N, C-alpha and C. Protein backbone atom coordinates (compact mmCIF):
# COMPACT_ATOMS: atom_id res chain seq x y z
N MET A 1 0.96 -1.21 -0.06
CA MET A 1 -0.07 0.07 0.12
C MET A 1 0.80 1.04 -0.02
N LYS A 2 1.97 1.21 0.72
CA LYS A 2 2.82 2.43 0.82
C LYS A 2 3.78 2.58 -0.42
N LYS A 3 3.96 1.61 -1.10
CA LYS A 3 4.57 1.69 -2.55
C LYS A 3 3.55 2.43 -3.57
N ILE A 4 2.20 2.03 -3.48
CA ILE A 4 1.34 2.30 -4.49
C ILE A 4 1.12 3.91 -4.17
N PHE A 5 0.83 4.16 -2.90
CA PHE A 5 0.79 5.64 -2.51
C PHE A 5 1.90 6.48 -3.00
N LEU A 6 3.23 5.82 -2.63
CA LEU A 6 4.57 6.69 -3.09
C LEU A 6 4.50 6.99 -4.61
N SER A 7 4.27 5.93 -5.27
CA SER A 7 4.21 5.96 -6.51
C SER A 7 3.26 6.86 -7.26
N LEU A 8 2.05 6.94 -6.73
CA LEU A 8 1.14 7.95 -7.17
C LEU A 8 1.47 9.34 -6.72
N THR A 9 2.11 9.57 -5.58
CA THR A 9 2.55 10.78 -5.11
C THR A 9 3.53 11.46 -6.08
N ILE A 10 4.68 10.49 -6.43
CA ILE A 10 5.68 10.91 -7.25
C ILE A 10 5.31 10.96 -8.79
N ALA A 11 4.34 10.31 -9.05
CA ALA A 11 3.69 10.49 -10.46
C ALA A 11 2.94 11.95 -10.65
N SER A 12 2.16 12.20 -9.69
CA SER A 12 1.39 13.33 -9.60
C SER A 12 2.34 14.72 -9.40
N LEU A 13 3.56 14.71 -8.81
CA LEU A 13 4.17 15.56 -8.70
C LEU A 13 5.26 15.52 -9.88
N LEU A 14 5.42 14.76 -10.65
CA LEU A 14 6.17 15.04 -12.04
C LEU A 14 5.33 15.52 -12.82
N PHE A 15 3.82 15.36 -12.71
CA PHE A 15 2.85 15.81 -13.85
C PHE A 15 2.77 17.19 -13.44
N SER A 16 2.80 17.55 -12.48
CA SER A 16 2.29 18.98 -12.03
C SER A 16 3.86 19.76 -12.20
N CYS A 17 4.98 19.29 -12.16
CA CYS A 17 6.25 20.08 -12.56
C CYS A 17 6.23 20.17 -14.01
N LYS A 18 5.66 19.10 -14.58
CA LYS A 18 5.99 19.03 -16.20
C LYS A 18 5.03 20.28 -16.68
N GLU A 19 3.89 20.38 -16.10
CA GLU A 19 2.88 21.65 -16.57
C GLU A 19 3.54 22.79 -16.19
N GLU A 20 4.12 23.01 -14.95
CA GLU A 20 4.85 24.43 -14.72
C GLU A 20 6.07 24.80 -15.57
N THR A 21 6.85 23.66 -16.03
CA THR A 21 7.72 23.81 -16.89
C THR A 21 7.25 24.19 -18.39
N ASN A 22 6.30 23.66 -18.75
CA ASN A 22 5.99 23.85 -20.08
C ASN A 22 5.38 25.17 -20.06
N GLU A 23 4.81 25.70 -19.09
CA GLU A 23 4.07 27.02 -18.88
C GLU A 23 5.47 27.99 -18.92
N LYS A 24 6.38 27.65 -18.31
CA LYS A 24 7.59 28.73 -18.34
C LYS A 24 8.26 28.82 -19.61
N LEU A 25 8.14 27.70 -20.04
CA LEU A 25 8.68 27.41 -21.37
C LEU A 25 8.14 28.40 -22.48
N LYS A 26 6.75 28.27 -22.37
CA LYS A 26 6.16 29.04 -23.30
C LYS A 26 6.15 30.75 -23.17
N VAL A 27 6.11 31.14 -21.68
CA VAL A 27 6.55 32.64 -21.33
C VAL A 27 7.95 32.81 -22.05
N ALA A 28 8.97 32.12 -21.72
CA ALA A 28 10.12 32.17 -22.20
C ALA A 28 10.27 32.67 -23.84
N LYS A 29 9.45 31.51 -24.20
CA LYS A 29 9.56 31.70 -26.00
C LYS A 29 8.76 32.82 -26.51
N GLU A 30 7.73 33.54 -25.66
CA GLU A 30 7.14 34.51 -25.94
C GLU A 30 7.73 35.81 -25.85
N ALA A 31 8.70 35.65 -24.64
CA ALA A 31 9.66 37.01 -24.45
C ALA A 31 10.72 36.87 -25.33
N LEU A 32 11.20 35.77 -25.76
CA LEU A 32 12.34 35.77 -26.84
C LEU A 32 11.90 36.09 -27.92
N ASN A 33 10.77 35.79 -28.50
CA ASN A 33 10.05 36.12 -29.84
C ASN A 33 10.01 37.73 -29.98
N SER A 34 9.23 38.32 -28.89
CA SER A 34 9.09 39.86 -29.00
C SER A 34 10.77 40.63 -28.90
N GLU A 35 11.49 39.93 -28.12
CA GLU A 35 12.94 40.52 -28.14
C GLU A 35 13.62 40.34 -29.39
N VAL A 36 13.46 39.42 -30.08
CA VAL A 36 13.98 39.29 -31.48
C VAL A 36 13.44 40.21 -32.53
N LYS A 37 12.00 40.30 -32.23
CA LYS A 37 11.26 41.17 -33.28
C LYS A 37 11.67 42.56 -33.05
N GLU A 38 11.73 43.01 -31.78
CA GLU A 38 12.35 44.34 -31.45
C GLU A 38 13.74 44.67 -31.92
N ARG A 39 14.61 43.53 -31.79
CA ARG A 39 15.72 43.94 -32.47
C ARG A 39 15.91 44.11 -34.02
N ILE A 40 15.15 43.20 -34.72
CA ILE A 40 15.02 43.15 -36.08
C ILE A 40 14.52 44.46 -36.47
N ASP A 41 13.33 44.96 -36.04
CA ASP A 41 12.68 46.28 -36.27
C ASP A 41 13.70 47.56 -36.03
N SER A 42 14.49 47.13 -34.84
CA SER A 42 15.60 48.35 -34.72
C SER A 42 16.55 48.27 -35.57
N ALA A 43 17.09 47.19 -36.35
CA ALA A 43 18.21 46.91 -37.29
C ALA A 43 17.51 47.29 -38.32
N GLN A 44 16.39 47.21 -38.95
CA GLN A 44 15.81 47.96 -40.03
C GLN A 44 15.68 49.18 -39.95
N ALA A 45 15.55 49.95 -38.86
CA ALA A 45 15.35 51.27 -38.88
C ALA A 45 16.89 51.83 -38.73
N LYS A 46 17.76 51.33 -38.37
CA LYS A 46 19.08 51.92 -38.41
C LYS A 46 19.56 51.70 -39.96
N ALA A 47 19.26 50.82 -40.67
CA ALA A 47 19.68 50.34 -41.98
C ALA A 47 19.08 51.39 -42.95
N LYS A 48 17.96 51.48 -42.92
CA LYS A 48 16.95 52.57 -43.41
C LYS A 48 17.69 53.94 -43.30
N LYS A 49 17.76 54.11 -42.23
CA LYS A 49 18.66 55.44 -41.60
C LYS A 49 19.83 56.02 -42.64
N ASN A 50 20.80 54.50 -42.36
CA ASN A 50 22.10 54.74 -43.11
C ASN A 50 21.86 54.67 -44.62
N ILE A 51 21.02 53.98 -45.09
CA ILE A 51 21.00 54.07 -46.37
C ILE A 51 20.24 55.47 -46.90
N ASP A 52 19.40 56.04 -46.27
CA ASP A 52 18.98 57.39 -46.52
C ASP A 52 20.09 58.38 -46.77
N SER A 53 21.05 58.26 -45.41
CA SER A 53 22.16 59.06 -45.15
C SER A 53 23.04 58.92 -46.48
N VAL A 54 23.35 57.87 -46.95
CA VAL A 54 24.35 57.50 -48.02
C VAL A 54 23.68 58.01 -49.41
N GLU A 55 22.27 57.76 -49.38
CA GLU A 55 21.54 58.46 -50.83
C GLU A 55 21.82 59.93 -50.71
N LEU A 56 21.69 60.41 -49.53
CA LEU A 56 21.62 61.93 -49.60
C LEU A 56 23.22 62.73 -49.83
N LYS A 57 24.33 61.82 -49.59
CA LYS A 57 25.43 62.06 -49.64
C LYS A 57 25.96 61.90 -51.09
N LEU A 58 25.48 60.67 -51.72
CA LEU A 58 25.73 60.62 -52.97
C LEU A 58 24.84 61.54 -53.95
N LYS A 59 23.80 61.78 -53.56
CA LYS A 59 23.15 62.93 -54.54
C LYS A 59 23.78 64.35 -54.26
N SER A 60 24.34 64.67 -53.23
CA SER A 60 25.20 65.98 -53.21
C SER A 60 26.56 65.85 -53.68
N LYS A 61 27.09 64.76 -53.78
CA LYS A 61 28.38 64.67 -54.33
C LYS A 61 28.22 64.68 -56.06
N LEU A 62 27.24 64.17 -56.31
CA LEU A 62 26.57 64.23 -57.57
C LEU A 62 26.20 65.37 -58.15
N ASP A 63 25.61 66.14 -57.50
CA ASP A 63 25.21 67.54 -58.03
C ASP A 63 26.44 68.42 -57.95
N THR A 64 27.40 68.40 -57.03
CA THR A 64 28.60 68.75 -56.98
C THR A 64 29.36 68.80 -58.41
N PHE A 65 29.56 67.48 -58.55
CA PHE A 65 30.31 66.93 -59.67
C PHE A 65 29.56 67.54 -61.14
N VAL A 66 28.48 67.60 -61.12
CA VAL A 66 27.59 68.08 -62.15
C VAL A 66 28.02 69.68 -62.60
N ILE A 67 27.86 70.30 -61.37
CA ILE A 67 27.95 71.81 -61.67
C ILE A 67 29.48 71.99 -61.82
N LYS A 68 30.34 71.48 -61.10
CA LYS A 68 31.78 71.55 -61.52
C LYS A 68 32.19 71.27 -63.12
N SER A 69 31.46 70.07 -63.50
CA SER A 69 31.60 69.73 -64.94
C SER A 69 31.10 70.78 -65.77
N ALA A 70 29.89 71.26 -65.45
CA ALA A 70 29.34 72.56 -66.38
C ALA A 70 30.41 73.72 -66.39
N LYS A 71 30.77 74.02 -65.27
CA LYS A 71 31.63 75.42 -65.20
C LYS A 71 32.79 74.95 -66.14
N LYS A 72 33.57 73.68 -66.04
CA LYS A 72 34.75 73.42 -66.81
C LYS A 72 34.24 73.21 -68.24
N LEU A 73 33.31 72.91 -68.70
CA LEU A 73 32.75 72.84 -69.95
C LEU A 73 32.63 74.15 -70.44
N LYS A 74 31.87 75.18 -69.80
CA LYS A 74 31.97 76.51 -69.94
C LYS A 74 33.22 77.21 -70.23
N GLU A 75 34.04 77.06 -69.33
CA GLU A 75 35.49 77.51 -69.62
C GLU A 75 36.08 77.08 -70.72
N SER A 76 36.04 75.73 -71.14
CA SER A 76 36.52 75.16 -72.44
C SER A 76 36.08 75.68 -73.49
N VAL A 77 34.82 75.91 -73.47
CA VAL A 77 33.96 76.49 -74.70
C VAL A 77 34.58 78.18 -74.91
N ASN A 78 34.77 78.86 -74.03
CA ASN A 78 34.98 80.28 -74.04
C ASN A 78 36.41 80.38 -74.23
């Protein structure tokens, strides 16, 4: 009788621990998913900002090059 009671007690403890562990795993998984999504969004925002900055610099340099080229062309014609 003691063995049966002990076996049932151990089985019930293992089952209840398994449920708690599964719940903790679910919570940890959700937290990790949200953290990964936040980091991806942050990386996308930084990349977009850097791309915009590079585009602006290139446009500025291209405009400067065009102006200088036009001046040199005028000078060579005159």
